[in-house]
């Protein structure tokens, strides 16, 4: 069971709930220095997995979890651009002067949302800092090369 003790929470009780457990800190130290770099390869499943503080979206200086980690060749300092997947919508422009068939659809391109830099990696997951963006980074955004244009 382990040793029972009492802890005093000074700030931030929103992140702690009854039943939460306290565990020892991981002995793996954080890198004090690393340089931003593009990933060598990007797995097809690379995406934003979660946003810190249980939010749905993140802005600059927020932390996000990614679906890639050391097993995918990701290291601290890896930079990705985040992209909102393009949606499939009715093709209204094609049929402006006549009725649109139910099957007439057009797929919109992915939309750039921001850039993130990995600061902590695990085997299959990593944490990244949102560096900049033009819209909120959201759960499900896909990861691409930092200099991707589409």
Protein backbone atom coordinates (compact mmCIF):
# COMPACT_ATOMS: atom_id res chain seq x y z
CA UNK A 1 0.00 0.00 0.00
CA UNK A 2 2.80 2.44 0.78
CA UNK A 3 3.26 4.97 3.51
CA UNK A 4 0.32 7.22 4.41
CA UNK A 5 0.97 10.93 4.82
CA UNK A 6 -0.79 14.29 4.65
CA UNK A 7 -0.02 16.99 2.08
CA UNK A 8 -1.00 20.65 2.15
CA UNK A 9 -2.01 22.10 -1.24
CA UNK A 10 -1.02 25.74 -1.40
CA UNK A 11 -2.37 26.57 -4.86
CA UNK A 12 -4.15 24.92 -7.76
CA UNK A 13 -6.73 22.60 -6.20
CA UNK A 14 -8.58 22.42 -9.54
CA UNK A 15 -6.06 19.83 -10.75
CA UNK A 16 -6.27 17.64 -7.63
CA UNK A 17 -9.28 15.52 -6.77
CA UNK A 18 -10.14 13.10 -3.95
CA UNK A 19 -8.54 9.75 -4.67
CA UNK A 20 -5.53 11.17 -6.56
CA UNK A 21 -2.24 9.57 -5.58
CA UNK A 22 1.18 11.13 -5.02
CA UNK A 23 4.06 9.29 -6.67
CA UNK A 24 7.82 9.87 -6.61
CA UNK A 25 9.31 12.21 -9.21
CA UNK A 26 10.83 10.49 -12.25
CA UNK A 27 14.62 10.34 -12.03
CA UNK A 28 14.94 11.24 -15.72
CA UNK A 29 16.05 14.89 -15.65
CA UNK A 30 14.78 17.52 -18.02
CA UNK A 31 17.15 18.70 -20.72
CA UNK A 32 18.53 22.09 -19.74
CA UNK A 33 19.55 22.89 -23.31
CA UNK A 34 18.23 21.79 -26.68
CA UNK A 35 17.95 23.33 -30.11
CA UNK A 36 14.78 23.53 -32.19
CA UNK A 37 14.86 21.16 -35.16
CA UNK A 38 12.48 19.72 -37.72
CA UNK A 39 11.55 16.04 -37.33
CA UNK A 40 13.33 13.53 -39.58
CA UNK A 41 10.04 11.74 -40.26
CA UNK A 42 6.47 12.30 -39.13
CA UNK A 43 4.29 9.25 -38.46
CA UNK A 44 0.84 9.26 -40.02
CA UNK A 45 -0.79 9.11 -36.56
CA UNK A 46 0.98 12.28 -35.33
CA UNK A 47 -1.59 14.61 -33.75
CA UNK A 48 -2.44 16.69 -30.70
CA UNK A 49 -3.68 14.23 -28.07
CA UNK A 50 -4.63 16.50 -25.18
CA UNK A 51 -4.42 20.04 -23.89
CA UNK A 52 -3.12 20.91 -20.41
CA UNK A 53 -5.68 21.93 -17.79
CA UNK A 54 -8.35 19.75 -19.47
CA UNK A 55 -9.08 22.40 -22.07
CA UNK A 56 -10.19 21.82 -25.64
CA UNK A 57 -7.75 24.27 -27.21
CA UNK A 58 -4.42 25.91 -26.46
CA UNK A 59 -2.68 29.17 -27.30
CA UNK A 60 0.91 30.42 -27.06
CA UNK A 61 2.80 29.24 -23.96
CA UNK A 62 0.27 26.46 -23.32
CA UNK A 63 1.26 22.79 -23.06
CA UNK A 64 -0.17 20.03 -25.25
CA UNK A 65 0.37 16.26 -25.35
CA UNK A 66 1.25 14.68 -28.71
CA UNK A 67 0.62 11.14 -30.00
CA UNK A 68 4.31 10.66 -30.88
CA UNK A 69 7.33 9.94 -28.71
CA UNK A 70 10.79 8.40 -28.55
CA UNK A 71 9.60 5.24 -30.34
CA UNK A 72 8.75 7.49 -33.31
CA UNK A 73 12.18 9.20 -33.27
CA UNK A 74 10.96 12.34 -31.50
CA UNK A 75 13.48 14.13 -29.29
CA UNK A 76 13.37 17.26 -27.16
CA UNK A 77 13.51 20.31 -29.41
CA UNK A 78 11.50 18.77 -32.25
CA UNK A 79 9.23 21.41 -33.81
CA UNK A 80 5.94 20.67 -35.58
CA UNK A 81 3.33 22.83 -37.24
CA UNK A 82 -0.23 21.99 -36.22
CA UNK A 83 -3.02 21.79 -38.78
CA UNK A 84 -6.78 21.52 -38.41
CA UNK A 85 -7.91 18.74 -40.78
CA UNK A 86 -9.92 19.95 -43.75
CA UNK A 87 -13.63 19.21 -43.67
CA UNK A 88 -15.84 17.80 -46.40
CA UNK A 89 -18.68 20.24 -47.09
CA UNK A 90 -21.48 20.59 -49.66
CA UNK A 91 -20.23 22.12 -52.92
CA UNK A 92 -22.54 25.15 -53.07
CA UNK A 93 -20.38 27.16 -55.49
CA UNK A 94 -20.50 24.51 -58.21
CA UNK A 95 -24.28 24.53 -58.26
CA UNK A 96 -25.08 28.20 -57.64
CA UNK A 97 -27.76 28.34 -60.35
CA UNK A 98 -29.29 24.88 -59.99
CA UNK A 99 -30.09 22.26 -57.38
CA UNK A 100 -27.17 20.52 -55.76
CA UNK A 101 -27.09 16.73 -55.69
CA UNK A 102 -26.70 15.17 -52.25
CA UNK A 103 -23.39 13.61 -53.32
CA UNK A 104 -21.77 16.87 -54.53
CA UNK A 105 -19.13 17.46 -51.87
CA UNK A 106 -15.81 19.28 -51.78
CA UNK A 107 -12.94 18.63 -49.39
CA UNK A 108 -11.44 21.79 -47.91
CA UNK A 109 -7.66 21.94 -47.38
CA UNK A 110 -6.08 21.58 -43.94
CA UNK A 111 -5.78 24.89 -42.05
CA UNK A 112 -2.60 25.97 -40.27
CA UNK A 113 -3.16 26.65 -36.57
CA UNK A 114 0.27 27.01 -34.92
CA UNK A 115 3.72 25.65 -34.07
CA UNK A 116 4.71 23.51 -31.09
CA UNK A 117 8.10 22.46 -29.73
CA UNK A 118 8.63 19.21 -27.81
CA UNK A 119 10.22 19.65 -24.37
CA UNK A 120 9.63 16.22 -22.80
CA UNK A 121 9.45 12.83 -24.49
CA UNK A 122 8.25 9.44 -23.37
CA UNK A 123 8.06 6.17 -25.30
CA UNK A 124 4.81 6.86 -27.20
CA UNK A 125 3.79 10.36 -26.04
CA UNK A 126 5.49 13.72 -25.73
CA UNK A 127 4.75 17.13 -24.25
CA UNK A 128 5.12 20.26 -26.34
CA UNK A 129 4.90 24.00 -25.79
CA UNK A 130 2.70 26.00 -28.17
CA UNK A 131 5.12 28.58 -29.55
CA UNK A 132 2.85 30.63 -31.81
CA UNK A 133 -0.28 30.39 -33.87
CA UNK A 134 -2.99 32.14 -35.80
CA UNK A 135 -5.85 30.17 -34.23
CA UNK A 136 -6.15 27.91 -31.18
CA UNK A 137 -4.34 24.56 -31.31
CA UNK A 138 -7.00 21.91 -30.72
CA UNK A 139 -7.20 18.23 -29.82
CA UNK A 140 -7.07 16.29 -33.08
CA UNK A 141 -4.94 18.81 -34.98
CA UNK A 142 -2.46 16.92 -37.16
CA UNK A 143 1.30 17.45 -36.99
CA UNK A 144 3.37 18.38 -40.01
CA UNK A 145 6.84 19.73 -40.73
CA UNK A 146 7.34 23.19 -39.20
CA UNK A 147 7.73 24.75 -42.64
CA UNK A 148 4.81 22.91 -44.30
CA UNK A 149 2.63 25.04 -46.56
CA UNK A 150 -0.23 22.56 -46.93
